[in-house]
Amino acid sequence: MQCRISIESFCVKSINHFVQHLEWFLNSKTMVHSTFKNFWSVKVVYLPTLKKKHTLLKSPHVNKTAREQFEVRIYKRLICIDTCVPLKKQSFLRIIYSLQKLLTTKSYNKFMRSKINIFI
């Protein structure tokens, strides 16, 4: 079974922290089939960073050369979670449900955009 999670964020540190937390969560002893070592494989795919530049005039009347530029960067990652042992669909859906709870916690919603998708 394979699961893909796409994440967008304004902060790279929050994405890296999330990936580390996700690996710990999947390899913890509380998970199903914890007797197997390296049961889950987590791969991070770096998607292109979106850069938006906005230019504003400092003066509304004259001095067209006086401008300020602002930039917003949106970092994107695709996380692929794969299992090497066949699972029942019901147990895999339970794991995805617990992942969804992890994603909606307040600590991740501060820096992440609302666009967090889970694909099976």
N, C-alpha and C. Protein backbone atom coordinates (compact mmCIF):
# COMPACT_ATOMS: atom_id res chain seq x y z
N MET A 1 0.85 -1.17 0.00
CA MET A 1 0.00 0.00 0.00
C MET A 1 0.90 1.24 0.00
N GLN A 2 0.37 2.27 -0.59
CA GLN A 2 1.14 3.50 -0.71
C GLN A 2 0.26 4.68 -0.38
N CYS A 3 0.84 5.65 0.30
CA CYS A 3 0.13 6.87 0.68
C CYS A 3 1.01 8.06 0.31
N ARG A 4 0.40 9.11 -0.20
CA ARG A 4 1.13 10.32 -0.57
C ARG A 4 0.52 11.51 0.15
N ILE A 5 1.39 12.32 0.72
CA ILE A 5 0.95 13.52 1.44
C ILE A 5 1.64 14.71 0.79
N SER A 6 0.86 15.66 0.32
CA SER A 6 1.45 16.88 -0.25
C SER A 6 1.28 18.02 0.75
N ILE A 7 2.37 18.75 0.97
CA ILE A 7 2.38 19.81 1.98
C ILE A 7 2.92 21.08 1.36
N GLU A 8 2.29 22.19 1.70
CA GLU A 8 2.78 23.51 1.31
C GLU A 8 2.96 24.34 2.57
N SER A 9 4.05 25.09 2.62
CA SER A 9 4.33 25.88 3.81
C SER A 9 5.15 27.11 3.45
N PHE A 10 5.08 28.13 4.31
CA PHE A 10 5.90 29.31 4.15
C PHE A 10 7.26 29.13 4.83
N CYS A 11 7.38 28.13 5.68
CA CYS A 11 8.58 27.92 6.48
C CYS A 11 9.14 26.52 6.21
N VAL A 12 10.42 26.44 5.85
CA VAL A 12 11.05 25.15 5.55
C VAL A 12 11.26 24.34 6.83
N LYS A 13 11.54 25.02 7.93
CA LYS A 13 11.79 24.32 9.19
C LYS A 13 10.57 23.54 9.65
N SER A 14 9.39 24.08 9.44
CA SER A 14 8.19 23.37 9.87
C SER A 14 7.98 22.10 9.05
N ILE A 15 8.32 22.13 7.76
CA ILE A 15 8.19 20.93 6.93
C ILE A 15 9.20 19.87 7.38
N ASN A 16 10.44 20.28 7.63
CA ASN A 16 11.45 19.33 8.08
C ASN A 16 11.09 18.72 9.43
N HIS A 17 10.56 19.56 10.31
CA HIS A 17 10.13 19.07 11.62
C HIS A 17 8.98 18.07 11.46
N PHE A 18 8.08 18.35 10.56
CA PHE A 18 6.96 17.44 10.32
C PHE A 18 7.44 16.09 9.78
N VAL A 19 8.40 16.10 8.87
CA VAL A 19 8.92 14.85 8.30
C VAL A 19 9.61 14.02 9.38
N GLN A 20 10.38 14.66 10.25
CA GLN A 20 11.02 13.93 11.34
C GLN A 20 9.98 13.34 12.29
N HIS A 21 8.97 14.12 12.60
CA HIS A 21 7.91 13.65 13.49
C HIS A 21 7.14 12.50 12.84
N LEU A 22 6.93 12.57 11.56
CA LEU A 22 6.22 11.52 10.83
C LEU A 22 7.01 10.21 10.82
N GLU A 23 8.32 10.29 10.60
CA GLU A 23 9.15 9.09 10.64
C GLU A 23 9.15 8.46 12.03
N TRP A 24 9.22 9.30 13.06
CA TRP A 24 9.16 8.78 14.42
C TRP A 24 7.82 8.12 14.68
N PHE A 25 6.76 8.73 14.22
CA PHE A 25 5.41 8.21 14.43
C PHE A 25 5.23 6.86 13.75
N LEU A 26 5.73 6.72 12.54
CA LEU A 26 5.56 5.46 11.81
C LEU A 26 6.45 4.34 12.35
N ASN A 27 7.58 4.68 12.92
CA ASN A 27 8.48 3.66 13.46
C ASN A 27 8.33 3.43 14.96
N SER A 28 7.35 4.09 15.57
CA SER A 28 7.17 3.94 17.01
C SER A 28 6.58 2.57 17.35
N LYS A 29 6.66 2.21 18.60
CA LYS A 29 6.19 0.90 19.03
C LYS A 29 4.67 0.81 19.11
N THR A 30 4.01 1.92 19.09
CA THR A 30 2.56 1.91 19.19
C THR A 30 1.88 1.58 17.87
N MET A 31 2.66 1.60 16.79
CA MET A 31 2.07 1.34 15.49
C MET A 31 1.81 -0.15 15.27
N VAL A 32 0.98 -0.45 14.29
CA VAL A 32 0.68 -1.82 13.93
C VAL A 32 1.93 -2.46 13.33
N HIS A 33 2.17 -3.71 13.62
CA HIS A 33 3.32 -4.47 13.11
C HIS A 33 4.64 -3.82 13.48
N SER A 34 4.77 -3.45 14.72
CA SER A 34 6.01 -2.78 15.14
C SER A 34 7.17 -3.76 15.30
N THR A 35 6.91 -5.06 15.20
CA THR A 35 8.00 -6.04 15.34
C THR A 35 8.94 -6.01 14.15
N PHE A 36 8.46 -5.56 13.01
CA PHE A 36 9.31 -5.46 11.83
C PHE A 36 10.15 -4.19 11.91
N LYS A 37 11.41 -4.31 11.58
CA LYS A 37 12.25 -3.11 11.51
C LYS A 37 12.18 -2.55 10.10
N ASN A 38 12.16 -1.25 10.03
CA ASN A 38 12.05 -0.54 8.74
C ASN A 38 10.83 -1.02 7.95
N PHE A 39 9.74 -1.11 8.65
CA PHE A 39 8.50 -1.56 8.04
C PHE A 39 7.97 -0.50 7.07
N TRP A 40 8.16 0.75 7.41
CA TRP A 40 7.68 1.85 6.59
C TRP A 40 8.86 2.50 5.89
N SER A 41 8.67 2.87 4.66
CA SER A 41 9.68 3.67 3.97
C SER A 41 9.07 5.03 3.66
N VAL A 42 9.74 6.06 4.12
CA VAL A 42 9.27 7.43 3.92
C VAL A 42 10.24 8.12 2.96
N LYS A 43 9.71 8.58 1.84
CA LYS A 43 10.52 9.29 0.84
C LYS A 43 9.97 10.71 0.69
N VAL A 44 10.87 11.66 0.70
CA VAL A 44 10.49 13.06 0.56
C VAL A 44 10.90 13.53 -0.82
N VAL A 45 9.94 14.04 -1.58
CA VAL A 45 10.20 14.58 -2.91
C VAL A 45 10.09 16.10 -2.81
N TYR A 46 11.16 16.78 -3.17
CA TYR A 46 11.19 18.24 -3.12
C TYR A 46 10.58 18.79 -4.40
N LEU A 47 9.47 19.46 -4.26
CA LEU A 47 8.81 20.09 -5.40
C LEU A 47 9.33 21.51 -5.54
N PRO A 48 9.15 22.13 -6.71
CA PRO A 48 9.68 23.48 -6.91
C PRO A 48 9.06 24.51 -5.97
N THR A 49 9.89 25.44 -5.54
CA THR A 49 9.45 26.51 -4.66
C THR A 49 8.79 27.61 -5.49
N LEU A 50 7.64 28.05 -5.03
CA LEU A 50 6.90 29.10 -5.72
C LEU A 50 7.29 30.44 -5.12
N LYS A 51 7.76 31.36 -5.95
CA LYS A 51 8.17 32.69 -5.50
C LYS A 51 7.23 33.72 -6.11
N LYS A 52 6.61 34.50 -5.26
CA LYS A 52 5.74 35.58 -5.72
C LYS A 52 6.37 36.91 -5.29
N LYS A 53 6.57 37.79 -6.26
CA LYS A 53 7.14 39.10 -5.97
C LYS A 53 6.09 40.17 -6.18
N HIS A 54 6.01 41.08 -5.22
CA HIS A 54 5.06 42.18 -5.30
C HIS A 54 5.85 43.49 -5.20
N THR A 55 5.57 44.40 -6.12
CA THR A 55 6.25 45.70 -6.14
C THR A 55 5.25 46.78 -5.77
N LEU A 56 5.63 47.62 -4.82
CA LEU A 56 4.78 48.71 -4.36
C LEU A 56 5.50 50.04 -4.52
N LEU A 57 4.74 51.06 -4.89
CA LEU A 57 5.29 52.41 -4.97
C LEU A 57 5.30 53.03 -3.59
N LYS A 58 6.41 53.66 -3.22
CA LYS A 58 6.49 54.31 -1.91
C LYS A 58 5.67 55.60 -1.90
N SER A 59 5.71 56.30 -3.01
CA SER A 59 5.02 57.59 -3.10
C SER A 59 3.86 57.46 -4.10
N PRO A 60 2.66 57.87 -3.73
CA PRO A 60 1.53 57.73 -4.65
C PRO A 60 1.51 58.78 -5.76
N HIS A 61 2.24 59.90 -5.57
CA HIS A 61 2.12 61.00 -6.53
C HIS A 61 3.29 61.05 -7.50
N VAL A 62 4.48 61.24 -7.00
CA VAL A 62 5.67 61.34 -7.85
C VAL A 62 6.71 60.33 -7.37
N ASN A 63 7.92 60.43 -7.90
CA ASN A 63 9.02 59.53 -7.54
C ASN A 63 8.69 58.08 -7.87
N LYS A 64 8.50 57.84 -9.16
CA LYS A 64 8.18 56.49 -9.62
C LYS A 64 9.34 55.52 -9.38
N THR A 65 10.54 56.06 -9.25
CA THR A 65 11.69 55.17 -9.05
C THR A 65 11.78 54.64 -7.63
N ALA A 66 11.07 55.27 -6.71
CA ALA A 66 11.09 54.82 -5.32
C ALA A 66 10.09 53.69 -5.15
N ARG A 67 10.59 52.48 -5.16
CA ARG A 67 9.72 51.30 -5.05
C ARG A 67 10.27 50.34 -4.01
N GLU A 68 9.37 49.51 -3.50
CA GLU A 68 9.76 48.44 -2.59
C GLU A 68 9.30 47.13 -3.17
N GLN A 69 10.13 46.11 -3.02
CA GLN A 69 9.76 44.78 -3.50
C GLN A 69 9.67 43.82 -2.33
N PHE A 70 8.60 43.03 -2.33
CA PHE A 70 8.39 42.01 -1.31
C PHE A 70 8.27 40.66 -2.00
N GLU A 71 8.74 39.63 -1.32
CA GLU A 71 8.72 38.29 -1.90
C GLU A 71 8.11 37.31 -0.91
N VAL A 72 7.25 36.45 -1.42
CA VAL A 72 6.65 35.38 -0.63
C VAL A 72 7.08 34.07 -1.25
N ARG A 73 7.67 33.20 -0.44
CA ARG A 73 8.09 31.89 -0.94
C ARG A 73 7.19 30.82 -0.34
N ILE A 74 6.75 29.92 -1.20
CA ILE A 74 5.92 28.80 -0.77
C ILE A 74 6.69 27.52 -1.10
N TYR A 75 7.07 26.81 -0.05
CA TYR A 75 7.83 25.57 -0.20
C TYR A 75 6.86 24.40 -0.28
N LYS A 76 7.14 23.47 -1.18
CA LYS A 76 6.25 22.33 -1.38
C LYS A 76 7.04 21.04 -1.23
N ARG A 77 6.42 20.06 -0.60
CA ARG A 77 7.01 18.73 -0.46
C ARG A 77 5.93 17.69 -0.72
N LEU A 78 6.37 16.58 -1.27
CA LEU A 78 5.50 15.42 -1.46
C LEU A 78 6.13 14.28 -0.68
N ILE A 79 5.39 13.74 0.27
CA ILE A 79 5.89 12.66 1.12
C ILE A 79 5.21 11.38 0.70
N CYS A 80 6.01 10.39 0.28
CA CYS A 80 5.49 9.08 -0.14
C CYS A 80 5.77 8.08 0.96
N ILE A 81 4.72 7.46 1.46
CA ILE A 81 4.84 6.45 2.50
C ILE A 81 4.47 5.12 1.87
N ASP A 82 5.37 4.15 2.01
CA ASP A 82 5.17 2.85 1.38
C ASP A 82 5.42 1.76 2.40
N THR A 83 4.67 0.66 2.30
CA THR A 83 4.86 -0.47 3.19
C THR A 83 5.42 -1.64 2.40
N CYS A 84 6.30 -2.39 3.04
CA CYS A 84 6.90 -3.54 2.36
C CYS A 84 6.13 -4.82 2.65
N VAL A 85 5.28 -4.81 3.67
CA VAL A 85 4.48 -5.98 4.03
C VAL A 85 3.03 -5.68 3.67
N PRO A 86 2.32 -6.60 3.04
CA PRO A 86 0.93 -6.32 2.69
C PRO A 86 0.05 -6.15 3.93
N LEU A 87 -0.74 -5.13 3.89
CA LEU A 87 -1.65 -4.82 4.99
C LEU A 87 -3.09 -4.94 4.55
N LYS A 88 -3.95 -5.13 5.52
CA LYS A 88 -5.37 -5.05 5.21
C LYS A 88 -5.72 -3.59 5.01
N LYS A 89 -6.70 -3.37 4.20
CA LYS A 89 -7.07 -1.99 3.89
C LYS A 89 -7.58 -1.26 5.13
N GLN A 90 -8.27 -1.97 6.00
CA GLN A 90 -8.83 -1.35 7.19
C GLN A 90 -7.73 -0.86 8.14
N SER A 91 -6.69 -1.66 8.34
CA SER A 91 -5.61 -1.23 9.23
C SER A 91 -4.83 -0.06 8.62
N PHE A 92 -4.66 -0.08 7.31
CA PHE A 92 -3.98 1.04 6.65
C PHE A 92 -4.79 2.32 6.77
N LEU A 93 -6.11 2.22 6.67
CA LEU A 93 -6.96 3.40 6.82
C LEU A 93 -6.93 3.93 8.25
N ARG A 94 -6.78 3.06 9.23
CA ARG A 94 -6.63 3.52 10.61
C ARG A 94 -5.36 4.34 10.78
N ILE A 95 -4.30 3.88 10.16
CA ILE A 95 -3.03 4.60 10.24
C ILE A 95 -3.15 5.96 9.56
N ILE A 96 -3.82 6.00 8.44
CA ILE A 96 -4.02 7.28 7.74
C ILE A 96 -4.90 8.22 8.56
N TYR A 97 -5.88 7.66 9.24
CA TYR A 97 -6.73 8.48 10.11
C TYR A 97 -5.92 9.10 11.24
N SER A 98 -5.01 8.33 11.83
CA SER A 98 -4.16 8.87 12.89
C SER A 98 -3.18 9.91 12.34
N LEU A 99 -2.73 9.71 11.09
CA LEU A 99 -1.89 10.72 10.44
C LEU A 99 -2.65 12.02 10.22
N GLN A 100 -3.90 11.89 9.86
CA GLN A 100 -4.71 13.08 9.62
C GLN A 100 -4.90 13.86 10.92
N LYS A 101 -5.04 13.16 12.04
CA LYS A 101 -5.13 13.85 13.33
C LYS A 101 -3.83 14.58 13.64
N LEU A 102 -2.72 13.93 13.30
CA LEU A 102 -1.42 14.55 13.52
C LEU A 102 -1.27 15.83 12.69
N LEU A 103 -1.77 15.80 11.47
CA LEU A 103 -1.64 16.95 10.58
C LEU A 103 -2.49 18.14 11.02
N THR A 104 -3.58 17.89 11.70
CA THR A 104 -4.49 18.98 12.05
C THR A 104 -4.20 19.56 13.43
N THR A 105 -3.10 19.19 14.06
CA THR A 105 -2.76 19.77 15.35
C THR A 105 -2.36 21.23 15.17
N LYS A 106 -2.45 21.99 16.25
CA LYS A 106 -2.20 23.43 16.17
C LYS A 106 -0.75 23.76 15.82
N SER A 107 0.18 22.93 16.25
CA SER A 107 1.59 23.26 16.01
C SER A 107 1.94 23.24 14.53
N TYR A 108 1.25 22.40 13.74
CA TYR A 108 1.53 22.36 12.32
C TYR A 108 0.67 23.34 11.54
N ASN A 109 -0.47 23.71 12.06
CA ASN A 109 -1.33 24.64 11.35
C ASN A 109 -0.82 26.08 11.42
N LYS A 110 0.12 26.38 12.30
CA LYS A 110 0.65 27.74 12.39
C LYS A 110 1.39 28.13 11.12
N PHE A 111 2.25 27.24 10.65
CA PHE A 111 3.11 27.58 9.53
C PHE A 111 2.66 26.94 8.22
N MET A 112 1.85 25.92 8.28
CA MET A 112 1.44 25.23 7.07
C MET A 112 0.19 25.91 6.50
N ARG A 113 0.09 25.86 5.22
CA ARG A 113 -1.13 26.35 4.60
C ARG A 113 -2.21 25.31 4.79
N SER A 114 -3.41 25.66 4.47
CA SER A 114 -4.51 24.73 4.65
C SER A 114 -4.52 23.62 3.62
N LYS A 115 -3.55 23.65 2.72
CA LYS A 115 -3.53 22.67 1.64
C LYS A 115 -2.65 21.49 2.01
N ILE A 116 -3.20 20.55 2.75
CA ILE A 116 -2.53 19.31 3.09
C ILE A 116 -3.40 18.19 2.55
N ASN A 117 -2.91 17.47 1.57
CA ASN A 117 -3.69 16.43 0.91
C ASN A 117 -3.10 15.07 1.19
N ILE A 118 -3.98 14.08 1.37
CA ILE A 118 -3.56 12.70 1.55
C ILE A 118 -4.16 11.88 0.43
N PHE A 119 -3.32 11.18 -0.32
CA PHE A 119 -3.78 10.32 -1.41
C PHE A 119 -3.40 8.87 -1.09
N ILE A 120 -4.29 7.97 -1.39
CA ILE A 120 -4.01 6.54 -1.20
C ILE A 120 -3.75 5.91 -2.54
